[in-house]
C-alpha atoms as a PDB file:
ATOM      1  CA  UNK A   1       0.000   0.000   0.000  1.00  0.00           C
ATOM      2  CA  UNK A   2       2.788   2.378   0.886  1.00  0.00           C
ATOM      3  CA  UNK A   3       4.436   1.585  -2.439  1.00  0.00           C
ATOM      4  CA  UNK A   4       1.189   2.313  -4.311  1.00  0.00           C
ATOM      5  CA  UNK A   5       0.736   5.615  -2.477  1.00  0.00           C
ATOM      6  CA  UNK A   6       4.309   6.579  -3.321  1.00  0.00           C
ATOM      7  CA  UNK A   7       3.724   5.683  -6.983  1.00  0.00           C
ATOM      8  CA  UNK A   8       0.474   7.647  -7.100  1.00  0.00           C
ATOM      9  CA  UNK A   9       2.217  10.655  -5.540  1.00  0.00           C
ATOM     10  CA  UNK A  10       5.019  10.440  -8.096  1.00  0.00           C
ATOM     11  CA  UNK A  11       2.538  10.249 -10.975  1.00  0.00           C
ATOM     12  CA  UNK A  12       0.647  13.222  -9.570  1.00  0.00           C
ATOM     13  CA  UNK A  13       3.867  15.246  -9.412  1.00  0.00           C
ATOM     14  CA  UNK A  14       4.766  14.321 -12.985  1.00  0.00           C
ATOM     15  CA  UNK A  15       1.316  15.360 -14.192  1.00  0.00           C
ATOM     16  CA  UNK A  16       1.821  18.777 -12.604  1.00  0.00           C
ATOM     17  CA  UNK A  17       5.187  19.248 -14.282  1.00  0.00           C
ATOM     18  CA  UNK A  18       3.583  20.020 -17.613  1.00  0.00           C
ATOM     19  CA  UNK A  19       5.083  21.839 -20.574  1.00  0.00           C
ATOM     20  CA  UNK A  20       4.206  25.302 -19.290  1.00  0.00           C
ATOM     21  CA  UNK A  21       6.062  24.964 -15.993  1.00  0.00           C
ATOM     22  CA  UNK A  22       9.102  23.461 -17.709  1.00  0.00           C
ATOM     23  CA  UNK A  23       9.116  26.182 -20.400  1.00  0.00           C
ATOM     24  CA  UNK A  24       8.963  28.902 -17.723  1.00  0.00           C
ATOM     25  CA  UNK A  25      11.912  27.344 -15.883  1.00  0.00           C
ATOM     26  CA  UNK A  26      13.917  27.296 -19.122  1.00  0.00           C
ATOM     27  CA  UNK A  27      13.035  30.932 -19.887  1.00  0.00           C
ATOM     28  CA  UNK A  28      13.855  32.106 -16.356  1.00  0.00           C
ATOM     29  CA  UNK A  29      17.197  30.255 -16.437  1.00  0.00           C
ATOM     30  CA  UNK A  30      18.144  31.767 -19.821  1.00  0.00           C
ATOM     31  CA  UNK A  31      17.029  35.279 -18.873  1.00  0.00           C
ATOM     32  CA  UNK A  32      18.816  35.167 -15.516  1.00  0.00           C
ATOM     33  CA  UNK A  33      22.007  33.996 -17.246  1.00  0.00           C
ATOM     34  CA  UNK A  34      21.847  36.930 -19.673  1.00  0.00           C
ATOM     35  CA  UNK A  35      21.169  39.457 -16.895  1.00  0.00           C
ATOM     36  CA  UNK A  36      23.973  38.034 -14.730  1.00  0.00           C
ATOM     37  CA  UNK A  37      26.312  38.348 -17.721  1.00  0.00           C
ATOM     38  CA  UNK A  38      25.306  42.025 -18.066  1.00  0.00           C
ATOM     39  CA  UNK A  39      25.828  42.635 -14.321  1.00  0.00           C
ATOM     40  CA  UNK A  40      29.237  40.892 -14.461  1.00  0.00           C
ATOM     41  CA  UNK A  41      30.233  43.128 -17.386  1.00  0.00           C
ATOM     42  CA  UNK A  42      29.201  46.178 -15.361  1.00  0.00           C
ATOM     43  CA  UNK A  43      31.321  45.095 -12.360  1.00  0.00           C
ATOM     44  CA  UNK A  44      34.474  44.430 -14.419  1.00  0.00           C
ATOM     45  CA  UNK A  45      35.011  48.021 -15.583  1.00  0.00           C
ATOM     46  CA  UNK A  46      35.767  50.903 -13.214  1.00  0.00           C
ATOM     47  CA  UNK A  47      34.255  53.341 -15.707  1.00  0.00           C
ATOM     48  CA  UNK A  48      30.810  51.747 -15.445  1.00  0.00           C
ATOM     49  CA  UNK A  49      30.353  51.947 -11.685  1.00  0.00           C
ATOM     50  CA  UNK A  50      31.588  55.529 -11.537  1.00  0.00           C
ATOM     51  CA  UNK A  51      29.153  56.699 -14.241  1.00  0.00           C
ATOM     52  CA  UNK A  52      25.574  57.622 -13.308  1.00  0.00           C
ATOM     53  CA  UNK A  53      24.061  56.196 -16.482  1.00  0.00           C
ATOM     54  CA  UNK A  54      25.536  52.741 -15.911  1.00  0.00           C
ATOM     55  CA  UNK A  55      24.835  52.756 -12.165  1.00  0.00           C
ATOM     56  CA  UNK A  56      21.149  53.284 -12.931  1.00  0.00           C
ATOM     57  CA  UNK A  57      21.329  50.586 -15.607  1.00  0.00           C
ATOM     58  CA  UNK A  58      22.821  48.152 -13.062  1.00  0.00           C
ATOM     59  CA  UNK A  59      20.076  49.080 -10.600  1.00  0.00           C
ATOM     60  CA  UNK A  60      17.453  48.136 -13.205  1.00  0.00           C
ATOM     61  CA  UNK A  61      19.293  44.867 -13.941  1.00  0.00           C
ATOM     62  CA  UNK A  62      19.385  43.854 -10.260  1.00  0.00           C
ATOM     63  CA  UNK A  63      15.711  44.721  -9.925  1.00  0.00           C
ATOM     64  CA  UNK A  64      14.845  42.590 -12.966  1.00  0.00           C
ATOM     65  CA  UNK A  65      16.875  39.640 -11.638  1.00  0.00           C
ATOM     66  CA  UNK A  66      15.077  39.758  -8.296  1.00  0.00           C
ATOM     67  CA  UNK A  67      11.690  39.932 -10.017  1.00  0.00           C
ATOM     68  CA  UNK A  68      12.527  36.967 -12.249  1.00  0.00           C
ATOM     69  CA  UNK A  69      13.464  34.862  -9.215  1.00  0.00           C
ATOM     70  CA  UNK A  70      10.577  35.956  -6.984  1.00  0.00           C
ATOM     71  CA  UNK A  71       7.882  35.693  -9.658  1.00  0.00           C
ATOM     72  CA  UNK A  72       9.118  32.186 -10.464  1.00  0.00           C
ATOM     73  CA  UNK A  73       9.034  31.177  -6.781  1.00  0.00           C
ATOM     74  CA  UNK A  74       5.467  32.480  -6.442  1.00  0.00           C
ATOM     75  CA  UNK A  75       4.470  30.686  -9.646  1.00  0.00           C
ATOM     76  CA  UNK A  76       5.812  27.348  -8.370  1.00  0.00           C
ATOM     77  CA  UNK A  77       4.213  27.788  -4.933  1.00  0.00           C
ATOM     78  CA  UNK A  78       0.875  28.505  -6.569  1.00  0.00           C
ATOM     79  CA  UNK A  79       1.166  25.722  -9.139  1.00  0.00           C
ATOM     80  CA  UNK A  80       1.946  23.009  -6.603  1.00  0.00           C
ATOM     81  CA  UNK A  81      -0.558  24.377  -4.027  1.00  0.00           C
ATOM     82  CA  UNK A  82       2.276  24.704  -1.515  1.00  0.00           C
ATOM     83  CA  UNK A  83       1.180  26.577   1.605  1.00  0.00           C
ATOM     84  CA  UNK A  84       3.630  28.686   3.611  1.00  0.00           C
ATOM     85  CA  UNK A  85       3.380  30.800   6.748  1.00  0.00           C
ATOM     86  CA  UNK A  86       2.002  34.249   6.027  1.00  0.00           C
ATOM     87  CA  UNK A  87       5.011  36.043   7.535  1.00  0.00           C
ATOM     88  CA  UNK A  88       7.183  34.474   4.816  1.00  0.00           C
ATOM     89  CA  UNK A  89       4.578  35.355   2.207  1.00  0.00           C
ATOM     90  CA  UNK A  90       4.679  38.906   3.586  1.00  0.00           C
ATOM     91  CA  UNK A  91       8.447  39.084   2.986  1.00  0.00           C
ATOM     92  CA  UNK A  92       8.018  37.836  -0.595  1.00  0.00           C
ATOM     93  CA  UNK A  93       5.211  40.346  -1.161  1.00  0.00           C
ATOM     94  CA  UNK A  94       7.238  43.312   0.149  1.00  0.00           C
ATOM     95  CA  UNK A  95      10.298  42.539  -2.004  1.00  0.00           C
ATOM     96  CA  UNK A  96       8.314  41.712  -5.166  1.00  0.00           C
ATOM     97  CA  UNK A  97       6.029  44.746  -4.778  1.00  0.00           C
ATOM     98  CA  UNK A  98       9.020  47.034  -4.241  1.00  0.00           C
ATOM     99  CA  UNK A  99      11.090  45.806  -7.181  1.00  0.00           C
ATOM    100  CA  UNK A 100       8.126  45.598  -9.498  1.00  0.00           C
ATOM    101  CA  UNK A 101       8.033  49.385  -9.210  1.00  0.00           C
ATOM    102  CA  UNK A 102      11.801  49.999  -9.097  1.00  0.00           C
ATOM    103  CA  UNK A 103      12.374  49.163 -12.778  1.00  0.00           C
ATOM    104  CA  UNK A 104       9.941  51.725 -14.316  1.00  0.00           C
ATOM    105  CA  UNK A 105      11.035  54.448 -11.868  1.00  0.00           C
ATOM    106  CA  UNK A 106      14.685  53.711 -12.751  1.00  0.00           C
ATOM    107  CA  UNK A 107      13.879  53.933 -16.481  1.00  0.00           C
ATOM    108  CA  UNK A 108      12.331  57.354 -15.917  1.00  0.00           C
ATOM    109  CA  UNK A 109      15.428  58.488 -14.006  1.00  0.00           C
ATOM    110  CA  UNK A 110      17.646  57.240 -16.854  1.00  0.00           C
ATOM    111  CA  UNK A 111      15.550  59.309 -19.264  1.00  0.00           C
ATOM    112  CA  UNK A 112      16.135  62.405 -17.139  1.00  0.00           C
ATOM    113  CA  UNK A 113      19.875  61.645 -17.142  1.00  0.00           C
ATOM    114  CA  UNK A 114      19.829  61.576 -20.978  1.00  0.00           C
ATOM    115  CA  UNK A 115      17.892  64.861 -20.963  1.00  0.00           C
ATOM    116  CA  UNK A 116      20.567  66.496 -18.799  1.00  0.00           C
ATOM    117  CA  UNK A 117      23.393  65.021 -20.931  1.00  0.00           C
ATOM    118  CA  UNK A 118      21.937  66.338 -24.217  1.00  0.00           C
ATOM    119  CA  UNK A 119      20.065  69.501 -23.249  1.00  0.00           C
ATOM    120  CA  UNK A 120      22.363  70.643 -20.415  1.00  0.00           C
ATOM    121  CA  UNK A 121      25.809  69.263 -21.416  1.00  0.00           C
ATOM    122  CA  UNK A 122      27.747  71.923 -19.497  1.00  0.00           C
ATOM    123  CA  UNK A 123      26.089  70.876 -16.216  1.00  0.00           C
ATOM    124  CA  UNK A 124      26.032  67.115 -16.805  1.00  0.00           C
ATOM    125  CA  UNK A 125      29.326  66.430 -15.006  1.00  0.00           C
ATOM    126  CA  UNK A 126      28.165  68.544 -12.053  1.00  0.00           C
ATOM    127  CA  UNK A 127      24.646  67.074 -11.751  1.00  0.00           C
ATOM    128  CA  UNK A 128      25.344  63.421 -12.627  1.00  0.00           C
ATOM    129  CA  UNK A 129      28.127  62.459 -10.221  1.00  0.00           C
ATOM    130  CA  UNK A 130      28.591  59.023  -8.637  1.00  0.00           C
ATOM    131  CA  UNK A 131      27.433  60.378  -5.279  1.00  0.00           C
ATOM    132  CA  UNK A 132      24.236  61.750  -6.769  1.00  0.00           C
ATOM    133  CA  UNK A 133      23.672  58.493  -8.635  1.00  0.00           C
ATOM    134  CA  UNK A 134      23.664  56.633  -5.307  1.00  0.00           C
ATOM    135  CA  UNK A 135      21.275  59.236  -3.893  1.00  0.00           C
ATOM    136  CA  UNK A 136      19.039  58.633  -6.917  1.00  0.00           C
ATOM    137  CA  UNK A 137      19.036  54.896  -6.212  1.00  0.00           C
ATOM    138  CA  UNK A 138      17.882  55.573  -2.629  1.00  0.00           C
ATOM    139  CA  UNK A 139      15.170  57.956  -3.865  1.00  0.00           C
ATOM    140  CA  UNK A 140      14.041  55.384  -6.467  1.00  0.00           C
ATOM    141  CA  UNK A 141      13.621  52.743  -3.749  1.00  0.00           C
ATOM    142  CA  UNK A 142      11.825  55.206  -1.468  1.00  0.00           C
ATOM    143  CA  UNK A 143       9.321  56.197  -4.175  1.00  0.00           C
ATOM    144  CA  UNK A 144       8.838  52.558  -5.182  1.00  0.00           C
ATOM    145  CA  UNK A 145       7.959  51.562  -1.618  1.00  0.00           C
ATOM    146  CA  UNK A 146       4.928  53.886  -1.406  1.00  0.00           C
ATOM    147  CA  UNK A 147       2.360  51.484  -3.006  1.00  0.00           C
ATOM    148  CA  UNK A 148       3.563  48.615  -0.799  1.00  0.00           C
ATOM    149  CA  UNK A 149       3.477  50.715   2.386  1.00  0.00           C
ATOM    150  CA  UNK A 150      -0.050  51.894   1.544  1.00  0.00           C
ATOM    151  CA  UNK A 151      -1.376  48.326   1.194  1.00  0.00           C
ATOM    152  CA  UNK A 152       0.430  47.027   4.288  1.00  0.00           C
ATOM    153  CA  UNK A 153      -0.697  49.950   6.470  1.00  0.00           C
ATOM    154  CA  UNK A 154      -4.342  49.028   5.851  1.00  0.00           C
ATOM    155  CA  UNK A 155      -3.555  45.305   6.168  1.00  0.00           C
ATOM    156  CA  UNK A 156      -1.923  45.563   9.625  1.00  0.00           C
ATOM    157  CA  UNK A 157      -4.726  47.849  10.822  1.00  0.00           C
ATOM    158  CA  UNK A 158      -7.336  45.270   9.770  1.00  0.00           C
ATOM    159  CA  UNK A 159      -5.926  41.872  10.861  1.00  0.00           C
ATOM    160  CA  UNK A 160      -4.362  40.436  14.014  1.00  0.00           C
ATOM    161  CA  UNK A 161      -0.730  39.338  14.214  1.00  0.00           C
ATOM    162  CA  UNK A 162      -1.861  35.715  14.608  1.00  0.00           C
ATOM    163  CA  UNK A 163      -2.749  35.832  10.904  1.00  0.00           C
ATOM    164  CA  UNK A 164       0.975  35.839  10.080  1.00  0.00           C
ATOM    165  CA  UNK A 165       1.366  32.399  11.715  1.00  0.00           C
ATOM    166  CA  UNK A 166      -1.243  30.759   9.491  1.00  0.00           C
ATOM    167  CA  UNK A 167      -0.324  28.529   6.557  1.00  0.00           C
ATOM    168  CA  UNK A 168      -1.916  29.637   3.268  1.00  0.00           C
ATOM    169  CA  UNK A 169      -1.259  29.863  -0.445  1.00  0.00           C
ATOM    170  CA  UNK A 170       0.845  32.966  -1.044  1.00  0.00           C
ATOM    171  CA  UNK A 171      -0.652  35.638  -3.302  1.00  0.00           C
ATOM    172  CA  UNK A 172      -0.946  39.419  -3.441  1.00  0.00           C
ATOM    173  CA  UNK A 173      -4.699  39.162  -2.857  1.00  0.00           C
ATOM    174  CA  UNK A 174      -4.025  37.873   0.681  1.00  0.00           C
ATOM    175  CA  UNK A 175      -2.997  41.387   1.741  1.00  0.00           C
ATOM    176  CA  UNK A 176      -5.988  43.166   0.199  1.00  0.00           C
ATOM    177  CA  UNK A 177      -8.548  43.030   3.001  1.00  0.00           C
ATOM    178  CA  UNK A 178     -11.022  45.603   1.658  1.00  0.00           C
ATOM    179  CA  UNK A 179     -12.308  45.987  -1.894  1.00  0.00           C
ATOM    180  CA  UNK A 180     -11.327  49.647  -2.032  1.00  0.00           C
ATOM    181  CA  UNK A 181      -7.666  48.715  -1.409  1.00  0.00           C
ATOM    182  CA  UNK A 182      -7.328  47.310  -4.928  1.00  0.00           C
ATOM    183  CA  UNK A 183      -8.801  50.520  -6.352  1.00  0.00           C
ATOM    184  CA  UNK A 184      -6.389  52.574  -4.237  1.00  0.00           C
ATOM    185  CA  UNK A 185      -3.440  50.456  -5.419  1.00  0.00           C
ATOM    186  CA  UNK A 186      -4.569  50.889  -9.022  1.00  0.00           C
ATOM    187  CA  UNK A 187      -4.980  54.666  -8.562  1.00  0.00           C
ATOM    188  CA  UNK A 188      -1.455  55.019  -7.105  1.00  0.00           C
ATOM    189  CA  UNK A 189       0.038  52.941  -9.938  1.00  0.00           C
ATOM    190  CA  UNK A 190      -1.839  54.941 -12.574  1.00  0.00           C
ATOM    191  CA  UNK A 191      -0.625  58.190 -10.975  1.00  0.00           C
ATOM    192  CA  UNK A 192       2.974  56.951 -11.037  1.00  0.00           C
ATOM    193  CA  UNK A 193       2.783  55.968 -14.671  1.00  0.00           C
ATOM    194  CA  UNK A 194       1.089  59.234 -15.628  1.00  0.00           C
ATOM    195  CA  UNK A 195       3.972  61.169 -14.036  1.00  0.00           C
ATOM    196  CA  UNK A 196       6.501  58.892 -15.801  1.00  0.00           C
ATOM    197  CA  UNK A 197       4.821  59.383 -19.188  1.00  0.00           C
ATOM    198  CA  UNK A 198       4.813  63.168 -18.695  1.00  0.00           C
ATOM    199  CA  UNK A 199       8.542  63.132 -17.817  1.00  0.00           C
ATOM    200  CA  UNK A 200       9.419  60.989 -20.842  1.00  0.00           C
ATOM    201  CA  UNK A 201       7.304  63.101 -23.213  1.00  0.00           C
ATOM    202  CA  UNK A 202       8.898  66.277 -21.821  1.00  0.00           C
ATOM    203  CA  UNK A 203      12.396  64.823 -22.279  1.00  0.00           C
ATOM    204  CA  UNK A 204      11.569  63.589 -25.800  1.00  0.00           C
ATOM    205  CA  UNK A 205      10.282  67.017 -26.922  1.00  0.00           C
ATOM    206  CA  UNK A 206      13.274  68.845 -25.439  1.00  0.00           C
ATOM    207  CA  UNK A 207      15.801  66.419 -26.971  1.00  0.00           C
ATOM    208  CA  UNK A 208      13.975  66.633 -30.325  1.00  0.00           C
ATOM    209  CA  UNK A 209      14.386  70.426 -30.313  1.00  0.00           C
ATOM    210  CA  UNK A 210      18.109  70.078 -29.598  1.00  0.00           C
ATOM    211  CA  UNK A 211      18.417  67.428 -32.331  1.00  0.00           C
ATOM    212  CA  UNK A 212      16.874  69.718 -34.939  1.00  0.00           C
ATOM    213  CA  UNK A 213      19.225  72.549 -33.995  1.00  0.00           C
ATOM    214  CA  UNK A 214      22.351  70.336 -33.849  1.00  0.00           C
ATOM    215  CA  UNK A 215      24.695  69.511 -36.732  1.00  0.00           C
ATOM    216  CA  UNK A 216      27.376  66.930 -37.617  1.00  0.00           C
ATOM    217  CA  UNK A 217      28.515  64.640 -34.804  1.00  0.00           C
ATOM    218  CA  UNK A 218      26.341  66.462 -32.271  1.00  0.00           C
ATOM    219  CA  UNK A 219      23.273  65.704 -34.373  1.00  0.00           C
ATOM    220  CA  UNK A 220      24.188  62.007 -34.569  1.00  0.00           C
ATOM    221  CA  UNK A 221      24.764  61.807 -30.802  1.00  0.00           C
ATOM    222  CA  UNK A 222      21.521  63.670 -30.076  1.00  0.00           C
ATOM    223  CA  UNK A 223      19.428  61.382 -32.254  1.00  0.00           C
ATOM    224  CA  UNK A 224      21.005  58.379 -30.527  1.00  0.00           C
ATOM    225  CA  UNK A 225      19.888  59.850 -27.195  1.00  0.00           C
ATOM    226  CA  UNK A 226      16.437  60.363 -28.705  1.00  0.00           C
ATOM    227  CA  UNK A 227      16.236  56.686 -29.671  1.00  0.00           C
ATOM    228  CA  UNK A 228      17.261  55.779 -26.106  1.00  0.00           C
ATOM    229  CA  UNK A 229      14.326  57.799 -24.758  1.00  0.00           C
ATOM    230  CA  UNK A 230      12.000  55.987 -27.197  1.00  0.00           C
ATOM    231  CA  UNK A 231      13.344  52.654 -25.907  1.00  0.00           C
ATOM    232  CA  UNK A 232      12.615  53.723 -22.323  1.00  0.00           C
ATOM    233  CA  UNK A 233       9.088  54.704 -23.413  1.00  0.00           C
ATOM    234  CA  UNK A 234       8.606  51.244 -24.946  1.00  0.00           C
ATOM    235  CA  UNK A 235       9.833  49.553 -21.751  1.00  0.00           C
ATOM    236  CA  UNK A 236       7.422  51.662 -19.683  1.00  0.00           C
ATOM    237  CA  UNK A 237       4.606  50.693 -22.055  1.00  0.00           C
ATOM    238  CA  UNK A 238       5.298  47.032 -21.303  1.00  0.00           C
ATOM    239  CA  UNK A 239       5.239  47.820 -17.577  1.00  0.00           C
ATOM    240  CA  UNK A 240       1.916  49.647 -18.033  1.00  0.00           C
ATOM    241  CA  UNK A 241       0.433  46.658 -19.899  1.00  0.00           C
ATOM    242  CA  UNK A 242       1.536  44.445 -17.004  1.00  0.00           C
ATOM    243  CA  UNK A 243      -0.386  46.787 -14.692  1.00  0.00           C
ATOM    244  CA  UNK A 244      -3.556  46.268 -16.754  1.00  0.00           C
ATOM    245  CA  UNK A 245      -3.190  42.479 -16.867  1.00  0.00           C
ATOM    246  CA  UNK A 246      -5.105  41.766 -13.602  1.00  0.00           C
ATOM    247  CA  UNK A 247      -8.129  43.714 -14.937  1.00  0.00           C
ATOM    248  CA  UNK A 248      -8.027  41.843 -18.270  1.00  0.00           C
ATOM    249  CA  UNK A 249      -7.685  38.494 -16.460  1.00  0.00           C
ATOM    250  CA  UNK A 250     -10.590  39.292 -14.122  1.00  0.00           C
ATOM    251  CA  UNK A 251     -12.823  40.055 -17.127  1.00  0.00           C
ATOM    252  CA  UNK A 252     -11.753  36.865 -18.961  1.00  0.00           C
ATOM    253  CA  UNK A 253     -12.360  34.754 -15.846  1.00  0.00           C
ATOM    254  CA  UNK A 254     -16.046  35.672 -16.017  1.00  0.00           C
ATOM    255  CA  UNK A 255     -16.189  34.160 -19.527  1.00  0.00           C
ATOM    256  CA  UNK A 256     -14.185  30.924 -19.323  1.00  0.00           C
ATOM    257  CA  UNK A 257     -11.780  29.505 -16.709  1.00  0.00           C
ATOM    258  CA  UNK A 258      -9.600  27.606 -19.209  1.00  0.00           C
ATOM    259  CA  UNK A 259      -9.268  30.755 -21.314  1.00  0.00           C
ATOM    260  CA  UNK A 260      -8.393  32.638 -18.110  1.00  0.00           C
ATOM    261  CA  UNK A 261      -5.497  30.239 -17.406  1.00  0.00           C
ATOM    262  CA  UNK A 262      -4.226  30.616 -20.985  1.00  0.00           C
ATOM    263  CA  UNK A 263      -4.427  34.424 -20.900  1.00  0.00           C
ATOM    264  CA  UNK A 264      -2.779  34.572 -17.469  1.00  0.00           C
ATOM    265  CA  UNK A 265       0.116  32.390 -18.623  1.00  0.00           C
ATOM    266  CA  UNK A 266       0.579  34.483 -21.794  1.00  0.00           C
ATOM    267  CA  UNK A 267       0.557  37.742 -19.791  1.00  0.00           C
ATOM    268  CA  UNK A 268       3.103  36.354 -17.338  1.00  0.00           C
ATOM    269  CA  UNK A 269       5.533  35.321 -20.088  1.00  0.00           C
ATOM    270  CA  UNK A 270       4.970  38.250 -22.483  1.00  0.00           C
ATOM    271  CA  UNK A 271       4.737  41.142 -20.027  1.00  0.00           C
ATOM    272  CA  UNK A 272       6.592  39.925 -16.933  1.00  0.00           C
ATOM    273  CA  UNK A 273       9.390  37.571 -17.996  1.00  0.00           C
ATOM    274  CA  UNK A 274      10.428  38.655 -21.504  1.00  0.00           C
ATOM    275  CA  UNK A 275      10.674  42.465 -20.934  1.00  0.00           C
ATOM    276  CA  UNK A 276      12.900  41.919 -17.884  1.00  0.00           C
ATOM    277  CA  UNK A 277      15.572  40.360 -20.057  1.00  0.00           C
ATOM    278  CA  UNK A 278      15.191  41.533 -23.653  1.00  0.00           C
ATOM    279  CA  UNK A 279      14.932  45.254 -22.876  1.00  0.00           C
ATOM    280  CA  UNK A 280      18.147  45.356 -20.753  1.00  0.00           C
ATOM    281  CA  UNK A 281      19.928  43.210 -23.362  1.00  0.00           C
ATOM    282  CA  UNK A 282      18.894  45.545 -26.198  1.00  0.00           C
ATOM    283  CA  UNK A 283      19.970  48.543 -24.122  1.00  0.00           C
ATOM    284  CA  UNK A 284      23.341  46.926 -23.363  1.00  0.00           C
ATOM    285  CA  UNK A 285      23.936  46.051 -27.039  1.00  0.00           C
ATOM    286  CA  UNK A 286      23.003  49.556 -28.213  1.00  0.00           C
ATOM    287  CA  UNK A 287      25.580  51.181 -25.914  1.00  0.00           C
ATOM    288  CA  UNK A 288      28.961  50.924 -27.700  1.00  0.00           C
ATOM    289  CA  UNK A 289      31.153  50.959 -24.575  1.00  0.00           C
ATOM    290  CA  UNK A 290      29.039  48.409 -22.770  1.00  0.00           C
ATOM    291  CA  UNK A 291      28.738  46.199 -25.860  1.00  0.00           C
ATOM    292  CA  UNK A 292      32.511  46.102 -26.425  1.00  0.00           C
ATOM    293  CA  UNK A 293      33.126  45.304 -22.739  1.00  0.00           C
ATOM    294  CA  UNK A 294      30.480  42.559 -22.841  1.00  0.00           C
ATOM    295  CA  UNK A 295      31.936  41.120 -26.068  1.00  0.00           C
ATOM    296  CA  UNK A 296      35.425  41.110 -24.531  1.00  0.00           C
ATOM    297  CA  UNK A 297      34.136  39.425 -21.363  1.00  0.00           C
ATOM    298  CA  UNK A 298      32.244  36.718 -23.312  1.00  0.00           C
ATOM    299  CA  UNK A 299      35.250  36.039 -25.584  1.00  0.00           C
ATOM    300  CA  UNK A 300      37.643  35.556 -22.664  1.00  0.00           C
ATOM    301  CA  UNK A 301      35.097  33.397 -20.833  1.00  0.00           C
ATOM    302  CA  UNK A 302      34.903  31.068 -23.848  1.00  0.00           C
ATOM    303  CA  UNK A 303      38.698  30.872 -24.079  1.00  0.00           C
ATOM    304  CA  UNK A 304      39.008  30.160 -20.359  1.00  0.00           C
ATOM    305  CA  UNK A 305      36.453  27.365 -20.385  1.00  0.00           C
END
């Protein structure tokens, strides 16, 4: 009997390890490898971690790596119906909520850095120092923590501490006690993205004016900065789509549960996993200094191994 139970349990586990879970593990492994390669390239050159632009880029990379790992952990916990104590779920929620917001705020800051470099070149060295870059990283994390703090403030005011000792499936919805909390979270997120869009549009218009007035090498450099701003806008668009995904999924769930699972899986891969690797990779390849350093690092790694 014990042998039959063990066999049944093994078959049940194999059934759960379907193609989707395996494909996600492969994608996460590949994307993490690429991001770690980019971070390693950043750490190998003194120039990169003394330059504000690359410090912000590294901040976005670290944020993306954490989100890849945490989102995958939450996916596996949910898929295998694995219950954990709520205090541990709380830790996962705080970190994932924080770093889900860090990336778009960092992209907006990088856009402002390009605006200063192109539209205020004489003050760029003064305004974009290593010290100020570190201050920016602290400010980015402070601003990104506001949505999380808002949700948790209401949560701790509404439940007892004994709740944290319970074993439950970990999800964001566990910390939304009242219906209006989700609306408040959505309103804060929409406000953040509205401010980010305004900043990027402002930077784009200003850089466009400089590009039209520039000539020769300056014109080429300015248009390259303009394309960088467009790339940041595209990355923010992906983040904004990810923000709308829960509303789309809730509407689809009312129609068909199987369709809901398919849509949710597609949204997770297309708007959560892929942008957190491809966008940084494209950005790293577009930057000549970073690309040459990465190429050198990869070449010597191949020779060594």
